[in-house]
Amino acid sequence: MARVSPEHLEARRRQILDGAARCFARNGFHATSMQDVLGEVGLSAGAVYRYFKGKDELISAIAREAFAGIRGAFEDAAAMAVPPAPDVLLGRVLRTFLEERVPGGDRQAFARLIVQVWTETLRNDQLAAILNEGYRGMRQAWSKVVEAYRAGGILPADVPADHVARTMIATAQGFIAQQALFGDVRVEVLEDGLRALMSMQVPKAS
């Protein structure tokens, strides 16, 4: 029997995850059955269950992958001598995960999938643990970016790094929520808005 290559296994896993993400984004977690996923990816039950035992494992894998990708982007920025400014960095990350890597190409549906993951944590303890772990990792990664800003002399040290990190994460979350609720929210809008806020000149009190 021919041995299956690691590349083939990863490609099949990717096919299943992308198909499941499209189903969840269209119909929601609870309205989507494993039969729907099988139909979407065009594989037998045996082929899919070889990789994932059920719907909860698919949801968990999608959540883990999203957090790992976003955290990795921030960690790469922190490793630079001087990271890109927040508007550029957030725009780059969101453009990657809400435009370039969207299963099925529907940005609003994919943003709704992300919001579903957030709400699903209220009833799913395993998913809540993944969310908490991912949130901690993102805060740590962003705190490193803030420290790099300070080392480069472009950000004062009078506010804790974690406070800045949490504010930037909240900005990204708000953008995703807008995309999910209203659609047609271009990343350029976020970049322009942040750039304008960052350039504000507050007059000194007389």
Protein backbone atom coordinates (compact mmCIF):
# COMPACT_ATOMS: atom_id res chain seq x y z
CA MET A 1 0.00 0.00 0.00
CA ALA A 2 1.49 3.37 -1.03
CA ARG A 3 2.57 5.63 1.80
CA VAL A 4 0.72 8.96 2.00
CA SER A 5 3.04 11.97 2.14
CA PRO A 6 2.88 14.57 4.94
CA GLU A 7 2.13 17.17 2.26
CA HIS A 8 -0.93 15.20 1.13
CA LEU A 9 -2.16 14.80 4.71
CA GLU A 10 -1.80 18.53 5.38
CA ALA A 11 -3.53 19.42 2.11
CA ARG A 12 -6.47 17.16 3.00
CA ARG A 13 -6.67 18.63 6.51
CA ARG A 14 -6.65 22.12 4.99
CA GLN A 15 -9.43 21.12 2.58
CA ILE A 16 -11.61 19.93 5.46
CA LEU A 17 -10.97 23.01 7.63
CA ASP A 18 -11.67 25.44 4.80
CA GLY A 19 -14.87 23.62 3.87
CA ALA A 20 -16.06 23.53 7.48
CA ALA A 21 -15.30 27.26 7.85
CA ARG A 22 -17.43 28.03 4.78
CA CYS A 23 -20.33 25.99 6.21
CA PHE A 24 -20.10 27.57 9.66
CA ALA A 25 -19.85 31.07 8.18
CA ARG A 26 -22.97 30.53 6.05
CA ASN A 27 -25.23 28.74 8.51
CA GLY A 28 -23.76 29.05 12.00
CA PHE A 29 -22.31 26.34 14.20
CA HIS A 30 -25.55 24.89 15.51
CA ALA A 31 -27.37 24.78 12.16
CA THR A 32 -24.42 23.05 10.47
CA SER A 33 -24.19 19.26 10.65
CA MET A 34 -21.23 17.04 9.90
CA GLN A 35 -23.23 15.86 6.89
CA ASP A 36 -23.19 19.46 5.63
CA VAL A 37 -19.41 19.54 6.04
CA LEU A 38 -19.01 16.24 4.18
CA GLY A 39 -21.07 17.60 1.30
CA GLU A 40 -19.07 20.83 1.23
CA VAL A 41 -15.67 19.15 1.04
CA GLY A 42 -16.79 16.23 -1.13
CA LEU A 43 -15.23 13.55 1.06
CA SER A 44 -16.48 10.42 2.77
CA ALA A 45 -17.21 10.33 6.49
CA GLY A 46 -14.21 8.04 7.02
CA ALA A 47 -11.87 10.49 5.28
CA VAL A 48 -13.04 13.43 7.42
CA TYR A 49 -13.21 11.57 10.74
CA ARG A 50 -9.62 10.46 10.22
CA TYR A 51 -8.66 14.07 10.96
CA PHE A 52 -11.48 15.37 13.18
CA LYS A 53 -13.79 13.43 15.52
CA GLY A 54 -16.65 15.87 15.11
CA LYS A 55 -17.91 19.41 14.84
CA ASP A 56 -16.43 20.61 18.13
CA GLU A 57 -12.95 19.54 17.05
CA LEU A 58 -13.37 21.42 13.78
CA ILE A 59 -14.47 24.58 15.61
CA SER A 60 -11.53 24.30 18.03
CA ALA A 61 -9.05 23.80 15.20
CA ILE A 62 -10.35 26.85 13.33
CA ALA A 63 -10.08 28.98 16.49
CA ARG A 64 -6.54 27.76 17.30
CA GLU A 65 -5.37 28.42 13.77
CA ALA A 66 -6.73 31.97 13.73
CA PHE A 67 -5.06 32.88 17.02
CA ALA A 68 -1.76 31.29 16.03
CA GLY A 69 -1.66 33.22 12.77
CA ILE A 70 -2.46 36.59 14.32
CA ARG A 71 -0.06 36.07 17.21
CA GLY A 72 2.68 35.05 14.79
CA ALA A 73 2.21 38.25 12.78
CA PHE A 74 2.59 40.38 15.92
CA GLU A 75 5.62 38.40 17.11
CA ASP A 76 7.29 38.89 13.73
CA ALA A 77 6.69 42.64 14.07
CA ALA A 78 8.14 42.68 17.59
CA ALA A 79 11.32 41.05 16.28
CA MET A 80 11.98 44.00 13.96
CA ALA A 81 14.35 46.75 15.07
CA VAL A 82 11.47 49.23 14.80
CA PRO A 83 8.04 47.61 14.18
CA PRO A 84 5.56 49.24 11.78
CA ALA A 85 3.29 51.87 13.33
CA PRO A 86 0.02 50.51 14.81
CA ASP A 87 -2.09 51.58 11.84
CA VAL A 88 0.21 49.76 9.42
CA LEU A 89 0.62 46.70 11.63
CA LEU A 90 -3.08 46.24 12.40
CA GLY A 91 -3.97 46.89 8.77
CA ARG A 92 -1.47 44.28 7.61
CA VAL A 93 -2.75 41.62 10.00
CA LEU A 94 -6.45 42.25 9.33
CA ARG A 95 -5.91 42.41 5.58
CA THR A 96 -4.23 39.01 5.71
CA PHE A 97 -6.92 37.30 7.78
CA LEU A 98 -10.04 39.08 6.52
CA GLU A 99 -9.17 39.49 2.84
CA GLU A 100 -6.40 37.20 1.65
CA ARG A 101 -7.21 34.00 3.57
CA VAL A 102 -11.00 34.04 3.66
CA PRO A 103 -12.56 30.62 2.90
CA GLY A 104 -15.01 31.12 0.05
CA GLY A 105 -14.00 34.77 -0.37
CA ASP A 106 -16.92 36.22 1.64
CA ARG A 107 -15.40 38.66 4.14
CA GLN A 108 -18.60 39.39 6.00
CA ALA A 109 -19.42 35.70 6.40
CA PHE A 110 -15.93 35.00 7.68
CA ALA A 111 -16.11 37.90 10.15
CA ARG A 112 -19.42 36.46 11.37
CA LEU A 113 -17.65 33.13 11.87
CA ILE A 114 -15.11 34.83 14.13
CA VAL A 115 -17.90 36.48 16.14
CA GLN A 116 -19.58 33.08 16.43
CA VAL A 117 -16.38 31.67 17.91
CA TRP A 118 -16.43 34.42 20.54
CA THR A 119 -20.05 33.76 21.50
CA GLU A 120 -19.61 29.97 21.43
CA THR A 121 -17.09 30.27 24.26
CA LEU A 122 -19.97 31.18 26.58
CA ARG A 123 -21.24 27.58 26.44
CA ASN A 124 -18.16 25.60 25.40
CA ASP A 125 -15.49 25.37 28.12
CA GLN A 126 -12.89 23.85 25.80
CA LEU A 127 -13.31 26.64 23.29
CA ALA A 128 -13.26 29.20 26.11
CA ALA A 129 -9.88 27.83 27.19
CA ILE A 130 -8.56 28.17 23.63
CA LEU A 131 -9.88 31.74 23.45
CA ASN A 132 -8.30 32.67 26.79
CA GLU A 133 -4.98 31.14 25.78
CA GLY A 134 -5.07 32.97 22.44
CA TYR A 135 -5.98 36.26 24.11
CA ARG A 136 -3.09 35.95 26.56
CA GLY A 137 -0.73 35.16 23.71
CA MET A 138 -1.91 38.17 21.71
CA ARG A 139 -1.49 40.46 24.73
CA GLN A 140 2.05 39.19 25.23
CA ALA A 141 2.89 39.60 21.55
CA TRP A 142 1.48 43.12 21.44
CA SER A 143 3.28 44.04 24.67
CA LYS A 144 6.53 43.07 22.98
CA VAL A 145 5.63 45.36 20.07
CA VAL A 146 5.01 48.19 22.55
CA GLU A 147 8.39 47.59 24.18
CA ALA A 148 10.01 47.71 20.75
CA TYR A 149 8.29 51.05 20.09
CA ARG A 150 9.70 52.36 23.35
CA ALA A 151 13.17 51.06 22.60
CA GLY A 152 12.99 52.90 19.28
CA GLY A 153 12.06 56.12 21.07
CA ILE A 154 8.66 56.51 19.41
CA LEU A 155 6.39 55.74 22.37
CA PRO A 156 6.58 57.11 25.93
CA ALA A 157 6.73 54.76 28.89
CA ASP A 158 4.09 56.39 31.07
CA VAL A 159 1.36 53.81 30.23
CA PRO A 160 1.76 50.05 30.94
CA ALA A 161 2.52 48.04 27.81
CA ASP A 162 -0.39 45.69 28.53
CA HIS A 163 -2.83 48.61 28.52
CA VAL A 164 -1.70 49.60 25.04
CA ALA A 165 -1.83 45.97 23.91
CA ARG A 166 -5.39 45.48 25.12
CA THR A 167 -6.51 48.71 23.45
CA MET A 168 -5.09 47.65 20.09
CA ILE A 169 -6.67 44.19 20.39
CA ALA A 170 -10.01 45.87 21.16
CA THR A 171 -9.59 48.01 18.04
CA ALA A 172 -9.13 44.90 15.90
CA GLN A 173 -12.08 43.16 17.57
CA GLY A 174 -14.30 46.18 16.96
CA PHE A 175 -13.35 46.25 13.29
CA ILE A 176 -14.17 42.55 12.94
CA ALA A 177 -17.54 43.11 14.68
CA GLN A 178 -18.35 45.97 12.28
CA GLN A 179 -17.49 43.77 9.32
CA ALA A 180 -19.70 40.98 10.69
CA LEU A 181 -22.68 43.23 11.43
CA PHE A 182 -22.59 45.73 8.60
CA GLY A 183 -20.24 44.41 5.91
CA ASP A 184 -18.21 46.42 3.41
CA VAL A 185 -15.77 47.70 6.03
CA ARG A 186 -12.48 48.18 4.23
CA VAL A 187 -9.19 47.82 6.11
CA GLU A 188 -8.13 51.18 4.68
CA VAL A 189 -10.84 52.79 6.84
CA LEU A 190 -9.22 51.43 10.01
CA GLU A 191 -5.75 52.46 8.84
CA ASP A 192 -6.88 56.00 8.02
CA GLY A 193 -8.75 56.39 11.30
CA LEU A 194 -5.86 55.18 13.43
CA ARG A 195 -3.40 57.34 11.50
CA ALA A 196 -5.58 60.41 12.10
CA LEU A 197 -5.89 59.68 15.83
CA MET A 198 -2.16 59.09 16.14
CA SER A 199 -1.41 62.48 14.54
CA MET A 200 -3.67 64.51 16.86
CA GLN A 201 -2.05 67.57 18.42
CA VAL A 202 -3.66 68.25 21.78
CA PRO A 203 -3.28 71.95 22.69
CA LYS A 204 -1.64 72.68 26.00
CA ALA A 205 -3.82 74.17 28.69
CA SER A 206 -3.16 77.87 29.11
